[in-house]
């Protein structure tokens, strides 16, 4: 879940690790982009996708897990 920026409170999937500080994220309501790992909070769900999966594969994995509603809604962020 993102904690900073305009997408704070939205859930995203980590698609790839760029380096020690950044990952590539994607999601239903989150644009595919590079994100600082300090701006993310892990959630217990895990999806089986390949490294560097495209947006369609990410959305298909979220839908098949029945979590689309969670990934489309904003969650309150308490820091």
PDB file of N, CA and C in Angstrom:
ATOM      1  N   UNK A   1       0.847  -1.166   0.000  1.00  0.00           N
ATOM      2  CA  UNK A   1       0.000   0.000   0.000  1.00  0.00           C
ATOM      3  C   UNK A   1       0.893   1.229   0.000  1.00  0.00           C
ATOM      4  N   UNK A   2       0.552   2.208  -0.820  1.00  0.00           N
ATOM      5  CA  UNK A   2       1.332   3.442  -0.883  1.00  0.00           C
ATOM      6  C   UNK A   2       0.972   4.335   0.299  1.00  0.00           C
ATOM      7  N   UNK A   3       1.967   5.013   0.839  1.00  0.00           N
ATOM      8  CA  UNK A   3       1.743   5.878   1.992  1.00  0.00           C
ATOM      9  C   UNK A   3       2.015   7.343   1.698  1.00  0.00           C
ATOM     10  N   UNK A   4       2.648   7.648   0.578  1.00  0.00           N
ATOM     11  CA  UNK A   4       2.979   9.025   0.238  1.00  0.00           C
ATOM     12  C   UNK A   4       2.522   9.351  -1.179  1.00  0.00           C
ATOM     13  N   UNK A   5       2.322  10.639  -1.446  1.00  0.00           N
ATOM     14  CA  UNK A   5       1.965  11.079  -2.785  1.00  0.00           C
ATOM     15  C   UNK A   5       0.475  11.090  -3.025  1.00  0.00           C
ATOM     16  N   UNK A   6       0.113  11.388  -4.238  1.00  0.00           N
ATOM     17  CA  UNK A   6      -1.316  11.488  -4.580  1.00  0.00           C
ATOM     18  C   UNK A   6      -2.016  10.146  -4.566  1.00  0.00           C
ATOM     19  N   UNK A   7      -1.260   9.075  -4.620  1.00  0.00           N
ATOM     20  CA  UNK A   7      -1.836   7.732  -4.589  1.00  0.00           C
ATOM     21  C   UNK A   7      -1.770   7.105  -3.194  1.00  0.00           C
ATOM     22  N   UNK A   8      -1.550   7.909  -2.166  1.00  0.00           N
ATOM     23  CA  UNK A   8      -1.468   7.405  -0.788  1.00  0.00           C
ATOM     24  C   UNK A   8      -2.782   6.727  -0.407  1.00  0.00           C
ATOM     25  N   UNK A   9      -2.673   5.563   0.207  1.00  0.00           N
ATOM     26  CA  UNK A   9      -3.852   4.815   0.616  1.00  0.00           C
ATOM     27  C   UNK A   9      -4.320   3.808  -0.406  1.00  0.00           C
ATOM     28  N   UNK A  10      -3.686   3.772  -1.581  1.00  0.00           N
ATOM     29  CA  UNK A  10      -4.066   2.823  -2.622  1.00  0.00           C
ATOM     30  C   UNK A  10      -3.145   1.610  -2.592  1.00  0.00           C
ATOM     31  N   UNK A  11      -3.699   0.469  -2.933  1.00  0.00           N
ATOM     32  CA  UNK A  11      -2.919  -0.768  -2.967  1.00  0.00           C
ATOM     33  C   UNK A  11      -2.273  -0.936  -4.338  1.00  0.00           C
ATOM     34  N   UNK A  12      -1.075  -1.497  -4.341  1.00  0.00           N
ATOM     35  CA  UNK A  12      -0.344  -1.743  -5.579  1.00  0.00           C
ATOM     36  C   UNK A  12       0.401  -3.061  -5.458  1.00  0.00           C
ATOM     37  N   UNK A  13       0.828  -3.581  -6.592  1.00  0.00           N
ATOM     38  CA  UNK A  13       1.585  -4.828  -6.653  1.00  0.00           C
ATOM     39  C   UNK A  13       3.009  -4.477  -7.072  1.00  0.00           C
ATOM     40  N   UNK A  14       3.996  -5.020  -6.357  1.00  0.00           N
ATOM     41  CA  UNK A  14       5.393  -4.835  -6.754  1.00  0.00           C
ATOM     42  C   UNK A  14       5.661  -5.786  -7.913  1.00  0.00           C
ATOM     43  N   UNK A  15       6.019  -5.212  -9.055  1.00  0.00           N
ATOM     44  CA  UNK A  15       6.231  -5.981 -10.273  1.00  0.00           C
ATOM     45  C   UNK A  15       7.703  -6.342 -10.463  1.00  0.00           C
ATOM     46  N   UNK A  16       8.601  -5.449 -10.043  1.00  0.00           N
ATOM     47  CA  UNK A  16      10.031  -5.677 -10.244  1.00  0.00           C
ATOM     48  C   UNK A  16      10.825  -4.861  -9.227  1.00  0.00           C
ATOM     49  N   UNK A  17      12.013  -5.323  -8.896  1.00  0.00           N
ATOM     50  CA  UNK A  17      12.921  -4.592  -8.025  1.00  0.00           C
ATOM     51  C   UNK A  17      13.934  -3.889  -8.919  1.00  0.00           C
ATOM     52  N   UNK A  18      14.011  -2.553  -8.795  1.00  0.00           N
ATOM     53  CA  UNK A  18      14.928  -1.780  -9.627  1.00  0.00           C
ATOM     54  C   UNK A  18      16.313  -1.732  -8.991  1.00  0.00           C
ATOM     55  N   UNK A  19      16.383  -1.330  -7.732  1.00  0.00           N
ATOM     56  CA  UNK A  19      17.635  -1.336  -6.972  1.00  0.00           C
ATOM     57  C   UNK A  19      17.291  -1.401  -5.493  1.00  0.00           C
ATOM     58  N   UNK A  20      18.245  -1.062  -4.631  1.00  0.00           N
ATOM     59  CA  UNK A  20      18.022  -1.188  -3.188  1.00  0.00           C
ATOM     60  C   UNK A  20      16.936  -0.262  -2.661  1.00  0.00           C
ATOM     61  N   UNK A  21      16.665   0.833  -3.345  1.00  0.00           N
ATOM     62  CA  UNK A  21      15.720   1.815  -2.840  1.00  0.00           C
ATOM     63  C   UNK A  21      14.413   1.898  -3.630  1.00  0.00           C
ATOM     64  N   UNK A  22      14.382   1.379  -4.847  1.00  0.00           N
ATOM     65  CA  UNK A  22      13.207   1.552  -5.702  1.00  0.00           C
ATOM     66  C   UNK A  22      12.676   0.232  -6.243  1.00  0.00           C
ATOM     67  N   UNK A  23      11.343   0.188  -6.410  1.00  0.00           N
ATOM     68  CA  UNK A  23      10.669  -0.945  -7.028  1.00  0.00           C
ATOM     69  C   UNK A  23       9.719  -0.413  -8.097  1.00  0.00           C
ATOM     70  N   UNK A  24       9.311  -1.275  -8.991  1.00  0.00           N
ATOM     71  CA  UNK A  24       8.319  -0.942 -10.005  1.00  0.00           C
ATOM     72  C   UNK A  24       6.979  -1.458  -9.507  1.00  0.00           C
ATOM     73  N   UNK A  25       5.976  -0.582  -9.418  1.00  0.00           N
ATOM     74  CA  UNK A  25       4.656  -0.984  -8.922  1.00  0.00           C
ATOM     75  C   UNK A  25       3.615  -0.791 -10.003  1.00  0.00           C
ATOM     76  N   UNK A  26       2.488  -1.474  -9.840  1.00  0.00           N
ATOM     77  CA  UNK A  26       1.362  -1.359 -10.759  1.00  0.00           C
ATOM     78  C   UNK A  26       0.118  -1.785  -9.991  1.00  0.00           C
ATOM     79  N   UNK A  27      -1.041  -1.324 -10.418  1.00  0.00           N
ATOM     80  CA  UNK A  27      -2.270  -1.710  -9.746  1.00  0.00           C
ATOM     81  C   UNK A  27      -3.488  -1.220 -10.490  1.00  0.00           C
ATOM     82  N   UNK A  28      -4.651  -1.484  -9.927  1.00  0.00           N
ATOM     83  CA  UNK A  28      -5.907  -1.094 -10.559  1.00  0.00           C
ATOM     84  C   UNK A  28      -6.077   0.426 -10.562  1.00  0.00           C
ATOM     85  N   UNK A  29      -5.782   1.073  -9.443  1.00  0.00           N
ATOM     86  CA  UNK A  29      -5.946   2.520  -9.333  1.00  0.00           C
ATOM     87  C   UNK A  29      -4.611   3.251  -9.242  1.00  0.00           C
ATOM     88  N   UNK A  30      -3.513   2.509  -9.352  1.00  0.00           N
ATOM     89  CA  UNK A  30      -2.166   3.083  -9.255  1.00  0.00           C
ATOM     90  C   UNK A  30      -1.495   2.958 -10.608  1.00  0.00           C
ATOM     91  N   UNK A  31      -0.888   4.059 -11.059  1.00  0.00           N
ATOM     92  CA  UNK A  31      -0.182   4.025 -12.330  1.00  0.00           C
ATOM     93  C   UNK A  31       1.093   3.197 -12.200  1.00  0.00           C
ATOM     94  N   UNK A  32       1.477   2.553 -13.276  1.00  0.00           N
ATOM     95  CA  UNK A  32       2.720   1.780 -13.306  1.00  0.00           C
ATOM     96  C   UNK A  32       3.879   2.769 -13.257  1.00  0.00           C
ATOM     97  N   UNK A  33       4.682   2.679 -12.192  1.00  0.00           N
ATOM     98  CA  UNK A  33       5.769   3.624 -12.024  1.00  0.00           C
ATOM     99  C   UNK A  33       6.765   3.135 -11.000  1.00  0.00           C
ATOM    100  N   UNK A  34       7.894   3.806 -10.964  1.00  0.00           N
ATOM    101  CA  UNK A  34       8.943   3.546  -9.983  1.00  0.00           C
ATOM    102  C   UNK A  34       8.515   4.168  -8.664  1.00  0.00           C
ATOM    103  N   UNK A  35       8.788   3.478  -7.568  1.00  0.00           N
ATOM    104  CA  UNK A  35       8.379   3.963  -6.255  1.00  0.00           C
ATOM    105  C   UNK A  35       9.458   3.645  -5.229  1.00  0.00           C
ATOM    106  N   UNK A  36       9.714   4.586  -4.335  1.00  0.00           N
ATOM    107  CA  UNK A  36      10.654   4.381  -3.241  1.00  0.00           C
ATOM    108  C   UNK A  36      10.035   3.378  -2.266  1.00  0.00           C
ATOM    109  N   UNK A  37      10.816   2.394  -1.835  1.00  0.00           N
ATOM    110  CA  UNK A  37      10.265   1.379  -0.934  1.00  0.00           C
ATOM    111  C   UNK A  37       9.906   1.955   0.432  1.00  0.00           C
ATOM    112  N   UNK A  38      10.465   3.115   0.774  1.00  0.00           N
ATOM    113  CA  UNK A  38      10.109   3.771   2.036  1.00  0.00           C
ATOM    114  C   UNK A  38       8.696   4.336   1.987  1.00  0.00           C
ATOM    115  N   UNK A  39       8.120   4.447   0.791  1.00  0.00           N
ATOM    116  CA  UNK A  39       6.775   4.976   0.623  1.00  0.00           C
ATOM    117  C   UNK A  39       5.731   3.870   0.489  1.00  0.00           C
ATOM    118  N   UNK A  40       6.109   2.648   0.835  1.00  0.00           N
ATOM    119  CA  UNK A  40       5.208   1.499   0.750  1.00  0.00           C
ATOM    120  C   UNK A  40       5.106   0.792   2.091  1.00  0.00           C
ATOM    121  N   UNK A  41       3.928   0.232   2.350  1.00  0.00           N
ATOM    122  CA  UNK A  41       3.705  -0.618   3.522  1.00  0.00           C
ATOM    123  C   UNK A  41       3.272  -1.977   2.979  1.00  0.00           C
ATOM    124  N   UNK A  42       3.945  -3.056   3.381  1.00  0.00           N
ATOM    125  CA  UNK A  42       3.569  -4.374   2.848  1.00  0.00           C
ATOM    126  C   UNK A  42       2.220  -4.842   3.380  1.00  0.00           C
ATOM    127  N   UNK A  43       1.509  -5.574   2.547  1.00  0.00           N
ATOM    128  CA  UNK A  43       0.254  -6.206   2.948  1.00  0.00           C
ATOM    129  C   UNK A  43       0.478  -7.719   2.865  1.00  0.00           C
ATOM    130  N   UNK A  44      -0.307  -8.524   3.564  1.00  0.00           N
ATOM    131  CA  UNK A  44      -0.039  -9.972   3.614  1.00  0.00           C
ATOM    132  C   UNK A  44      -0.333 -10.722   2.317  1.00  0.00           C
ATOM    133  N   UNK A  45      -1.108 -10.160   1.399  1.00  0.00           N
ATOM    134  CA  UNK A  45      -1.458 -10.862   0.168  1.00  0.00           C
ATOM    135  C   UNK A  45      -0.249 -10.932  -0.770  1.00  0.00           C
ATOM    136  N   UNK A  46      -0.158 -12.039  -1.501  1.00  0.00           N
ATOM    137  CA  UNK A  46       0.901 -12.239  -2.477  1.00  0.00           C
ATOM    138  C   UNK A  46       0.274 -12.802  -3.746  1.00  0.00           C
ATOM    139  N   UNK A  47       0.731 -12.315  -4.891  1.00  0.00           N
ATOM    140  CA  UNK A  47       0.196 -12.756  -6.183  1.00  0.00           C
ATOM    141  C   UNK A  47       1.299 -13.442  -6.972  1.00  0.00           C
ATOM    142  N   UNK A  48       0.935 -14.486  -7.697  1.00  0.00           N
ATOM    143  CA  UNK A  48       1.898 -15.202  -8.534  1.00  0.00           C
ATOM    144  C   UNK A  48       1.943 -14.551  -9.908  1.00  0.00           C
ATOM    145  N   UNK A  49       2.935 -13.683 -10.091  1.00  0.00           N
ATOM    146  CA  UNK A  49       3.160 -13.043 -11.378  1.00  0.00           C
ATOM    147  C   UNK A  49       4.647 -13.163 -11.692  1.00  0.00           C
ATOM    148  N   UNK A  50       4.976 -13.040 -12.962  1.00  0.00           N
ATOM    149  CA  UNK A  50       6.383 -13.104 -13.358  1.00  0.00           C
ATOM    150  C   UNK A  50       7.014 -11.729 -13.186  1.00  0.00           C
ATOM    151  N   UNK A  51       8.327 -11.710 -13.027  1.00  0.00           N
ATOM    152  CA  UNK A  51       9.058 -10.455 -12.868  1.00  0.00           C
ATOM    153  C   UNK A  51       8.871  -9.603 -14.123  1.00  0.00           C
ATOM    154  N   UNK A  52       8.440  -8.354 -13.921  1.00  0.00           N
ATOM    155  CA  UNK A  52       8.231  -7.441 -15.036  1.00  0.00           C
ATOM    156  C   UNK A  52       6.908  -7.659 -15.758  1.00  0.00           C
ATOM    157  N   UNK A  53       5.954  -8.303 -15.123  1.00  0.00           N
ATOM    158  CA  UNK A  53       4.652  -8.586 -15.748  1.00  0.00           C
ATOM    159  C   UNK A  53       3.984  -7.295 -16.207  1.00  0.00           C
ATOM    160  N   UNK A  54       3.236  -7.375 -17.315  1.00  0.00           N
ATOM    161  CA  UNK A  54       2.558  -6.173 -17.798  1.00  0.00           C
ATOM    162  C   UNK A  54       1.286  -5.916 -16.993  1.00  0.00           C
ATOM    163  N   UNK A  55       0.682  -4.771 -17.223  1.00  0.00           N
ATOM    164  CA  UNK A  55      -0.481  -4.340 -16.433  1.00  0.00           C
ATOM    165  C   UNK A  55      -1.645  -5.316 -16.532  1.00  0.00           C
ATOM    166  N   UNK A  56      -1.857  -5.888 -17.710  1.00  0.00           N
ATOM    167  CA  UNK A  56      -2.965  -6.835 -17.881  1.00  0.00           C
ATOM    168  C   UNK A  56      -2.777  -8.076 -17.017  1.00  0.00           C
ATOM    169  N   UNK A  57      -1.542  -8.570 -16.922  1.00  0.00           N
ATOM    170  CA  UNK A  57      -1.264  -9.742 -16.085  1.00  0.00           C
ATOM    171  C   UNK A  57      -1.462  -9.429 -14.603  1.00  0.00           C
ATOM    172  N   UNK A  58      -1.063  -8.225 -14.197  1.00  0.00           N
ATOM    173  CA  UNK A  58      -1.232  -7.815 -12.801  1.00  0.00           C
ATOM    174  C   UNK A  58      -2.715  -7.745 -12.452  1.00  0.00           C
ATOM    175  N   UNK A  59      -3.511  -7.097 -13.310  1.00  0.00           N
ATOM    176  CA  UNK A  59      -4.947  -6.985 -13.050  1.00  0.00           C
ATOM    177  C   UNK A  59      -5.621  -8.354 -13.070  1.00  0.00           C
ATOM    178  N   UNK A  60      -5.184  -9.247 -13.944  1.00  0.00           N
ATOM    179  CA  UNK A  60      -5.753 -10.592 -13.999  1.00  0.00           C
ATOM    180  C   UNK A  60      -5.453 -11.350 -12.699  1.00  0.00           C
ATOM    181  N   UNK A  61      -4.241 -11.189 -12.160  1.00  0.00           N
ATOM    182  CA  UNK A  61      -3.877 -11.855 -10.909  1.00  0.00           C
ATOM    183  C   UNK A  61      -4.701 -11.318  -9.741  1.00  0.00           C
ATOM    184  N   UNK A  62      -4.929 -10.004  -9.723  1.00  0.00           N
ATOM    185  CA  UNK A  62      -5.722  -9.395  -8.652  1.00  0.00           C
ATOM    186  C   UNK A  62      -7.176  -9.863  -8.752  1.00  0.00           C
ATOM    187  N   UNK A  63      -7.714  -9.898  -9.966  1.00  0.00           N
ATOM    188  CA  UNK A  63      -9.097 -10.347 -10.158  1.00  0.00           C
ATOM    189  C   UNK A  63      -9.269 -11.817  -9.782  1.00  0.00           C
ATOM    190  N   UNK A  64      -8.311 -12.656 -10.178  1.00  0.00           N
ATOM    191  CA  UNK A  64      -8.434 -14.086  -9.885  1.00  0.00           C
ATOM    192  C   UNK A  64      -8.335 -14.363  -8.382  1.00  0.00           C
ATOM    193  N   UNK A  65      -7.674 -13.489  -7.644  1.00  0.00           N
ATOM    194  CA  UNK A  65      -7.592 -13.643  -6.192  1.00  0.00           C
ATOM    195  C   UNK A  65      -8.816 -13.054  -5.496  1.00  0.00           C
ATOM    196  N   UNK A  66      -9.705 -12.417  -6.258  1.00  0.00           N
ATOM    197  CA  UNK A  66     -10.918 -11.827  -5.684  1.00  0.00           C
ATOM    198  C   UNK A  66     -10.637 -10.591  -4.847  1.00  0.00           C
ATOM    199  N   UNK A  67      -9.610  -9.843  -5.183  1.00  0.00           N
ATOM    200  CA  UNK A  67      -9.209  -8.686  -4.387  1.00  0.00           C
ATOM    201  C   UNK A  67      -9.370  -7.371  -5.146  1.00  0.00           C
ATOM    202  N   UNK A  68     -10.093  -7.369  -6.238  1.00  0.00           N
ATOM    203  CA  UNK A  68     -10.223  -6.171  -7.060  1.00  0.00           C
ATOM    204  C   UNK A  68     -10.822  -5.004  -6.277  1.00  0.00           C
ATOM    205  N   UNK A  69     -11.804  -5.276  -5.412  1.00  0.00           N
ATOM    206  CA  UNK A  69     -12.441  -4.212  -4.635  1.00  0.00           C
ATOM    207  C   UNK A  69     -11.418  -3.531  -3.718  1.00  0.00           C
ATOM    208  N   UNK A  70     -10.568  -4.316  -3.095  1.00  0.00           N
ATOM    209  CA  UNK A  70      -9.547  -3.774  -2.189  1.00  0.00           C
ATOM    210  C   UNK A  70      -8.538  -2.911  -2.947  1.00  0.00           C
ATOM    211  N   UNK A  71      -8.218  -3.287  -4.182  1.00  0.00           N
ATOM    212  CA  UNK A  71      -7.223  -2.566  -4.960  1.00  0.00           C
ATOM    213  C   UNK A  71      -7.795  -1.335  -5.652  1.00  0.00           C
ATOM    214  N   UNK A  72      -9.092  -1.159  -5.646  1.00  0.00           N
ATOM    215  CA  UNK A  72      -9.700   0.022  -6.264  1.00  0.00           C
ATOM    216  C   UNK A  72     -10.057   1.097  -5.252  1.00  0.00           C
ATOM    217  N   UNK A  73     -10.103   0.760  -3.967  1.00  0.00           N
ATOM    218  CA  UNK A  73     -10.559   1.698  -2.942  1.00  0.00           C
ATOM    219  C   UNK A  73      -9.386   2.309  -2.188  1.00  0.00           C
ATOM    220  N   UNK A  74      -9.571   3.552  -1.765  1.00  0.00           N
ATOM    221  CA  UNK A  74      -8.582   4.258  -0.953  1.00  0.00           C
ATOM    222  C   UNK A  74      -8.742   3.841   0.501  1.00  0.00           C
ATOM    223  N   UNK A  75      -7.632   3.617   1.180  1.00  0.00           N
ATOM    224  CA  UNK A  75      -7.605   3.235   2.584  1.00  0.00           C
ATOM    225  C   UNK A  75      -6.976   4.369   3.365  1.00  0.00           C
ATOM    226  N   UNK A  76      -7.492   4.659   4.568  1.00  0.00           N
ATOM    227  CA  UNK A  76      -6.910   5.696   5.415  1.00  0.00           C
ATOM    228  C   UNK A  76      -5.507   5.290   5.833  1.00  0.00           C
ATOM    229  N   UNK A  77      -4.561   6.217   5.720  1.00  0.00           N
ATOM    230  CA  UNK A  77      -3.170   5.952   6.062  1.00  0.00           C
ATOM    231  C   UNK A  77      -2.817   6.652   7.367  1.00  0.00           C
ATOM    232  N   UNK A  78      -2.417   5.875   8.372  1.00  0.00           N
ATOM    233  CA  UNK A  78      -1.963   6.427   9.649  1.00  0.00           C
ATOM    234  C   UNK A  78      -0.457   6.240   9.740  1.00  0.00           C
ATOM    235  N   UNK A  79       0.261   7.342   9.792  1.00  0.00           N
ATOM    236  CA  UNK A  79       1.728   7.242   9.888  1.00  0.00           C
ATOM    237  C   UNK A  79       2.184   7.519  11.268  1.00  0.00           C
TER     238      UNK A  79
END
